[in-house]
Amino acid sequence: QVQLVESGGGLVQAGGSLRLSCAASRSIVGVNAMGWFRGAPGKQRESVAIITRGGSTNYANSVKGRFTISGDNAKNTVYLQMNSLKPEDTAVYYCAAMYSSGWSDWGQGTQVTVSS
């Protein structure tokens, strides 16, 4: 099990950028994938971006071309660079670690608010 702590959220105007960080309590080299998810009131939590152990990435259609997920194994940290933010990106963003059993380790979340 790994503890995950997100940071970097905040309030930004539409069209702006934020970079979220997810710091892990130990090495994440052994996990199958790391991901960013988001949840908004009244909406189901959705997958935003995933990076696998091999470095492959996958994005939700709504963020393709605007968001970039990356990892730094030396720092045990995963990032989500978010550009061209839209009001509909407003949500709590969660970091998660995936093992063979599924997405089992989650951070506490960081709020992202995009004003129009």
N, C-alpha and C. Protein backbone atom coordinates (compact mmCIF):
# COMPACT_ATOMS: atom_id res chain seq x y z
N GLN A 1 0.83 -1.18 0.00
CA GLN A 1 0.00 0.00 0.00
C GLN A 1 0.88 1.25 0.00
N VAL A 2 0.40 2.30 -0.67
CA VAL A 2 1.15 3.54 -0.75
C VAL A 2 0.23 4.70 -0.40
N GLN A 3 0.74 5.64 0.37
CA GLN A 3 -0.02 6.85 0.67
C GLN A 3 0.25 7.89 -0.40
N LEU A 4 -0.82 8.54 -0.85
CA LEU A 4 -0.72 9.51 -1.93
C LEU A 4 -1.23 10.85 -1.45
N VAL A 5 -0.48 11.90 -1.76
CA VAL A 5 -0.87 13.25 -1.36
C VAL A 5 -0.85 14.16 -2.58
N GLU A 6 -2.03 14.70 -2.92
CA GLU A 6 -2.14 15.60 -4.06
C GLU A 6 -1.91 17.04 -3.62
N SER A 7 -1.42 17.85 -4.54
CA SER A 7 -1.27 19.28 -4.31
C SER A 7 -1.31 19.99 -5.65
N GLY A 8 -1.45 21.32 -5.58
CA GLY A 8 -1.41 22.11 -6.80
C GLY A 8 -2.74 22.61 -7.28
N GLY A 9 -3.82 22.21 -6.62
CA GLY A 9 -5.12 22.71 -7.03
C GLY A 9 -5.29 24.17 -6.67
N GLY A 10 -6.39 24.75 -7.15
CA GLY A 10 -6.65 26.14 -6.83
C GLY A 10 -7.70 26.72 -7.75
N LEU A 11 -7.78 28.04 -7.72
CA LEU A 11 -8.74 28.78 -8.54
C LEU A 11 -7.99 29.41 -9.70
N VAL A 12 -8.52 29.21 -10.90
CA VAL A 12 -7.88 29.75 -12.09
C VAL A 12 -8.96 30.19 -13.07
N GLN A 13 -8.65 31.17 -13.88
CA GLN A 13 -9.60 31.62 -14.89
C GLN A 13 -9.59 30.67 -16.09
N ALA A 14 -10.69 30.65 -16.79
CA ALA A 14 -10.77 29.84 -17.99
C ALA A 14 -9.64 30.21 -18.95
N GLY A 15 -9.02 29.17 -19.54
CA GLY A 15 -7.89 29.38 -20.41
C GLY A 15 -6.55 29.29 -19.70
N GLY A 16 -6.59 29.27 -18.38
CA GLY A 16 -5.37 29.21 -17.61
C GLY A 16 -4.84 27.79 -17.44
N SER A 17 -3.77 27.68 -16.64
CA SER A 17 -3.10 26.39 -16.44
C SER A 17 -2.86 26.12 -14.97
N LEU A 18 -2.80 24.84 -14.65
CA LEU A 18 -2.40 24.39 -13.32
C LEU A 18 -1.60 23.11 -13.49
N ARG A 19 -0.70 22.86 -12.54
CA ARG A 19 -0.01 21.58 -12.51
C ARG A 19 -0.27 20.91 -11.17
N LEU A 20 -0.87 19.76 -11.23
CA LEU A 20 -1.12 18.98 -10.02
C LEU A 20 0.03 18.01 -9.79
N SER A 21 0.33 17.79 -8.52
CA SER A 21 1.36 16.83 -8.15
C SER A 21 0.76 15.78 -7.23
N CYS A 22 1.25 14.58 -7.35
CA CYS A 22 0.83 13.47 -6.48
C CYS A 22 2.10 12.83 -5.93
N ALA A 23 2.35 13.05 -4.66
CA ALA A 23 3.55 12.52 -4.02
C ALA A 23 3.22 11.20 -3.31
N ALA A 24 3.98 10.19 -3.62
CA ALA A 24 3.77 8.87 -3.01
C ALA A 24 4.73 8.67 -1.83
N SER A 25 4.26 7.90 -0.86
CA SER A 25 5.05 7.70 0.37
C SER A 25 6.22 6.74 0.17
N ARG A 26 6.18 6.02 -0.93
CA ARG A 26 7.28 5.11 -1.22
C ARG A 26 7.39 4.97 -2.73
N SER A 27 8.31 4.17 -3.18
CA SER A 27 8.52 3.99 -4.61
C SER A 27 7.25 3.48 -5.29
N ILE A 28 6.97 4.06 -6.44
CA ILE A 28 5.82 3.64 -7.24
C ILE A 28 6.25 2.83 -8.43
N VAL A 29 7.50 2.41 -8.44
CA VAL A 29 8.02 1.66 -9.57
C VAL A 29 7.25 0.36 -9.76
N GLY A 30 6.78 -0.25 -8.67
CA GLY A 30 6.15 -1.55 -8.76
C GLY A 30 4.67 -1.53 -9.09
N VAL A 31 4.03 -0.37 -9.07
CA VAL A 31 2.60 -0.33 -9.36
C VAL A 31 2.38 -0.51 -10.86
N ASN A 32 1.20 -0.99 -11.21
CA ASN A 32 0.90 -1.22 -12.62
C ASN A 32 0.62 0.08 -13.36
N ALA A 33 0.01 1.03 -12.67
CA ALA A 33 -0.31 2.31 -13.31
C ALA A 33 -0.62 3.34 -12.23
N MET A 34 -0.50 4.59 -12.61
CA MET A 34 -0.93 5.70 -11.77
C MET A 34 -1.94 6.50 -12.57
N GLY A 35 -2.92 7.05 -11.87
CA GLY A 35 -3.95 7.77 -12.59
C GLY A 35 -4.45 8.99 -11.86
N TRP A 36 -5.05 9.88 -12.63
CA TRP A 36 -5.75 11.03 -12.09
C TRP A 36 -7.23 10.86 -12.42
N PHE A 37 -8.04 11.08 -11.42
CA PHE A 37 -9.49 11.00 -11.57
C PHE A 37 -10.07 12.31 -11.05
N ARG A 38 -11.32 12.58 -11.41
CA ARG A 38 -11.96 13.78 -10.87
C ARG A 38 -13.41 13.50 -10.56
N GLY A 39 -13.89 14.23 -9.57
CA GLY A 39 -15.27 14.08 -9.16
C GLY A 39 -15.88 15.44 -8.91
N ALA A 40 -17.05 15.66 -9.44
CA ALA A 40 -17.79 16.91 -9.23
C ALA A 40 -19.14 16.58 -8.61
N PRO A 41 -19.73 17.52 -7.87
CA PRO A 41 -21.04 17.27 -7.25
C PRO A 41 -22.07 16.83 -8.27
N GLY A 42 -22.75 15.74 -7.98
CA GLY A 42 -23.78 15.26 -8.88
C GLY A 42 -23.28 14.47 -10.07
N LYS A 43 -21.97 14.29 -10.13
CA LYS A 43 -21.40 13.53 -11.25
C LYS A 43 -20.60 12.35 -10.72
N GLN A 44 -20.55 11.33 -11.53
CA GLN A 44 -19.77 10.15 -11.17
C GLN A 44 -18.28 10.48 -11.33
N ARG A 45 -17.46 9.89 -10.45
CA ARG A 45 -16.02 10.09 -10.58
C ARG A 45 -15.56 9.51 -11.91
N GLU A 46 -14.72 10.24 -12.62
CA GLU A 46 -14.28 9.79 -13.93
C GLU A 46 -12.76 9.78 -14.02
N SER A 47 -12.28 8.92 -14.88
CA SER A 47 -10.85 8.84 -15.15
C SER A 47 -10.46 10.00 -16.05
N VAL A 48 -9.39 10.67 -15.70
CA VAL A 48 -8.91 11.80 -16.49
C VAL A 48 -7.67 11.40 -17.30
N ALA A 49 -6.70 10.82 -16.63
CA ALA A 49 -5.45 10.45 -17.30
C ALA A 49 -4.78 9.31 -16.54
N ILE A 50 -4.18 8.42 -17.30
CA ILE A 50 -3.51 7.26 -16.73
C ILE A 50 -2.14 7.10 -17.37
N ILE A 51 -1.17 6.73 -16.55
CA ILE A 51 0.15 6.40 -17.07
C ILE A 51 0.53 5.03 -16.53
N THR A 52 0.93 4.14 -17.42
CA THR A 52 1.26 2.78 -17.02
C THR A 52 2.72 2.68 -16.59
N ARG A 53 3.05 1.54 -16.03
CA ARG A 53 4.42 1.30 -15.60
C ARG A 53 5.38 1.42 -16.78
N GLY A 54 4.90 1.06 -17.97
CA GLY A 54 5.74 1.14 -19.15
C GLY A 54 5.79 2.52 -19.79
N GLY A 55 5.02 3.45 -19.23
CA GLY A 55 5.06 4.82 -19.74
C GLY A 55 3.96 5.16 -20.73
N SER A 56 3.10 4.19 -21.03
CA SER A 56 1.98 4.49 -21.92
C SER A 56 0.97 5.38 -21.20
N THR A 57 0.33 6.24 -21.96
CA THR A 57 -0.65 7.16 -21.38
C THR A 57 -2.01 7.02 -22.05
N ASN A 58 -3.02 7.36 -21.30
CA ASN A 58 -4.38 7.32 -21.82
C ASN A 58 -5.14 8.49 -21.21
N TYR A 59 -5.95 9.17 -22.03
CA TYR A 59 -6.66 10.35 -21.57
C TYR A 59 -8.15 10.25 -21.88
N ALA A 60 -8.92 10.89 -21.05
CA ALA A 60 -10.34 11.05 -21.35
C ALA A 60 -10.46 11.95 -22.57
N ASN A 61 -11.46 11.69 -23.39
CA ASN A 61 -11.63 12.49 -24.61
C ASN A 61 -11.77 13.98 -24.30
N SER A 62 -12.38 14.28 -23.17
CA SER A 62 -12.63 15.68 -22.83
C SER A 62 -11.36 16.47 -22.49
N VAL A 63 -10.25 15.78 -22.23
CA VAL A 63 -9.02 16.49 -21.86
C VAL A 63 -7.87 16.27 -22.84
N LYS A 64 -8.09 15.45 -23.84
CA LYS A 64 -7.03 15.17 -24.82
C LYS A 64 -6.55 16.45 -25.47
N GLY A 65 -5.24 16.60 -25.55
CA GLY A 65 -4.66 17.78 -26.16
C GLY A 65 -4.50 18.94 -25.20
N ARG A 66 -5.10 18.83 -24.00
CA ARG A 66 -5.00 19.90 -23.01
C ARG A 66 -4.26 19.46 -21.75
N PHE A 67 -4.42 18.21 -21.36
CA PHE A 67 -3.80 17.69 -20.14
C PHE A 67 -2.68 16.73 -20.51
N THR A 68 -1.65 16.71 -19.66
CA THR A 68 -0.54 15.79 -19.84
C THR A 68 -0.17 15.16 -18.50
N ILE A 69 -0.13 13.84 -18.46
CA ILE A 69 0.29 13.12 -17.26
C ILE A 69 1.73 12.68 -17.43
N SER A 70 2.49 12.79 -16.35
CA SER A 70 3.88 12.37 -16.39
C SER A 70 4.29 11.89 -15.01
N GLY A 71 5.39 11.18 -14.96
CA GLY A 71 5.86 10.65 -13.69
C GLY A 71 7.35 10.84 -13.53
N ASP A 72 7.76 10.97 -12.28
CA ASP A 72 9.18 11.07 -11.94
C ASP A 72 9.45 10.01 -10.88
N ASN A 73 9.98 8.88 -11.32
CA ASN A 73 10.19 7.77 -10.38
C ASN A 73 11.20 8.13 -9.29
N ALA A 74 12.16 8.96 -9.62
CA ALA A 74 13.17 9.35 -8.63
C ALA A 74 12.54 10.14 -7.48
N LYS A 75 11.47 10.86 -7.78
CA LYS A 75 10.79 11.66 -6.77
C LYS A 75 9.51 11.00 -6.28
N ASN A 76 9.21 9.81 -6.80
CA ASN A 76 7.96 9.12 -6.43
C ASN A 76 6.75 10.03 -6.61
N THR A 77 6.74 10.74 -7.70
CA THR A 77 5.70 11.76 -7.93
C THR A 77 5.13 11.64 -9.33
N VAL A 78 3.83 11.83 -9.42
CA VAL A 78 3.13 11.88 -10.70
C VAL A 78 2.52 13.27 -10.85
N TYR A 79 2.56 13.77 -12.05
CA TYR A 79 2.07 15.13 -12.32
C TYR A 79 0.91 15.10 -13.32
N LEU A 80 0.11 16.13 -13.25
CA LEU A 80 -0.92 16.36 -14.26
C LEU A 80 -0.84 17.83 -14.65
N GLN A 81 -0.31 18.07 -15.83
CA GLN A 81 -0.26 19.43 -16.37
C GLN A 81 -1.57 19.70 -17.07
N MET A 82 -2.26 20.73 -16.65
CA MET A 82 -3.57 21.07 -17.21
C MET A 82 -3.51 22.44 -17.85
N ASN A 83 -3.71 22.49 -19.15
CA ASN A 83 -3.70 23.74 -19.91
C ASN A 83 -5.08 24.00 -20.50
N SER A 84 -5.28 25.23 -20.91
CA SER A 84 -6.55 25.62 -21.55
C SER A 84 -7.74 25.15 -20.72
N LEU A 85 -7.68 25.43 -19.45
CA LEU A 85 -8.72 24.95 -18.56
C LEU A 85 -10.08 25.57 -18.87
N LYS A 86 -11.12 24.78 -18.66
CA LYS A 86 -12.49 25.19 -18.92
C LYS A 86 -13.29 25.09 -17.63
N PRO A 87 -14.37 25.84 -17.51
CA PRO A 87 -15.20 25.74 -16.30
C PRO A 87 -15.66 24.31 -16.01
N GLU A 88 -15.88 23.54 -17.05
CA GLU A 88 -16.32 22.15 -16.85
C GLU A 88 -15.22 21.24 -16.30
N ASP A 89 -13.99 21.75 -16.21
CA ASP A 89 -12.92 20.99 -15.57
C ASP A 89 -12.97 21.12 -14.05
N THR A 90 -13.83 21.99 -13.55
CA THR A 90 -13.96 22.17 -12.11
C THR A 90 -14.36 20.87 -11.43
N ALA A 91 -13.58 20.45 -10.45
CA ALA A 91 -13.82 19.18 -9.76
C ALA A 91 -12.77 19.00 -8.68
N VAL A 92 -12.97 17.98 -7.87
CA VAL A 92 -11.90 17.52 -6.99
C VAL A 92 -11.11 16.47 -7.76
N TYR A 93 -9.81 16.65 -7.82
CA TYR A 93 -8.94 15.75 -8.57
C TYR A 93 -8.23 14.82 -7.59
N TYR A 94 -8.30 13.53 -7.91
CA TYR A 94 -7.72 12.50 -7.07
C TYR A 94 -6.63 11.76 -7.82
N CYS A 95 -5.61 11.39 -7.08
CA CYS A 95 -4.55 10.55 -7.60
C CYS A 95 -4.78 9.13 -7.09
N ALA A 96 -4.45 8.14 -7.90
CA ALA A 96 -4.66 6.76 -7.48
C ALA A 96 -3.58 5.86 -8.05
N ALA A 97 -3.34 4.76 -7.33
CA ALA A 97 -2.37 3.76 -7.75
C ALA A 97 -3.09 2.46 -8.06
N MET A 98 -2.69 1.85 -9.15
CA MET A 98 -3.33 0.61 -9.59
C MET A 98 -2.39 -0.58 -9.43
N TYR A 99 -2.91 -1.61 -8.81
CA TYR A 99 -2.20 -2.87 -8.67
C TYR A 99 -2.96 -3.94 -9.45
N SER A 100 -2.55 -5.18 -9.31
CA SER A 100 -3.26 -6.26 -10.00
C SER A 100 -4.69 -6.37 -9.51
N SER A 101 -4.96 -5.91 -8.30
CA SER A 101 -6.31 -5.97 -7.73
C SER A 101 -7.17 -4.79 -8.14
N GLY A 102 -6.60 -3.83 -8.82
CA GLY A 102 -7.36 -2.66 -9.25
C GLY A 102 -6.85 -1.38 -8.63
N TRP A 103 -7.66 -0.31 -8.73
CA TRP A 103 -7.29 0.98 -8.16
C TRP A 103 -7.59 0.93 -6.66
N SER A 104 -6.55 0.72 -5.88
CA SER A 104 -6.79 0.46 -4.47
C SER A 104 -6.22 1.51 -3.53
N ASP A 105 -5.34 2.36 -4.00
CA ASP A 105 -4.79 3.42 -3.16
C ASP A 105 -5.19 4.77 -3.73
N TRP A 106 -5.76 5.62 -2.89
CA TRP A 106 -6.26 6.91 -3.34
C TRP A 106 -5.76 8.02 -2.43
N GLY A 107 -5.54 9.21 -3.03
CA GLY A 107 -5.23 10.38 -2.24
C GLY A 107 -6.50 11.04 -1.74
N GLN A 108 -6.32 12.13 -1.01
CA GLN A 108 -7.47 12.82 -0.42
C GLN A 108 -8.13 13.80 -1.38
N GLY A 109 -7.45 14.11 -2.46
CA GLY A 109 -8.01 14.99 -3.47
C GLY A 109 -7.57 16.44 -3.32
N THR A 110 -7.58 17.15 -4.42
CA THR A 110 -7.28 18.58 -4.43
C THR A 110 -8.30 19.28 -5.32
N GLN A 111 -8.82 20.40 -4.83
CA GLN A 111 -9.89 21.11 -5.54
C GLN A 111 -9.32 21.96 -6.67
N VAL A 112 -9.93 21.83 -7.82
CA VAL A 112 -9.62 22.70 -8.96
C VAL A 112 -10.91 23.42 -9.34
N THR A 113 -10.84 24.74 -9.36
CA THR A 113 -12.00 25.55 -9.72
C THR A 113 -11.61 26.47 -10.86
N VAL A 114 -12.36 26.39 -11.95
CA VAL A 114 -12.09 27.21 -13.13
C VAL A 114 -13.24 28.18 -13.30
N SER A 115 -12.94 29.45 -13.23
CA SER A 115 -13.97 30.48 -13.37
C SER A 115 -14.09 30.93 -14.82
N SER A 116 -15.31 31.29 -15.19
CA SER A 116 -15.54 31.70 -16.58
C SER A 116 -15.34 33.20 -16.75
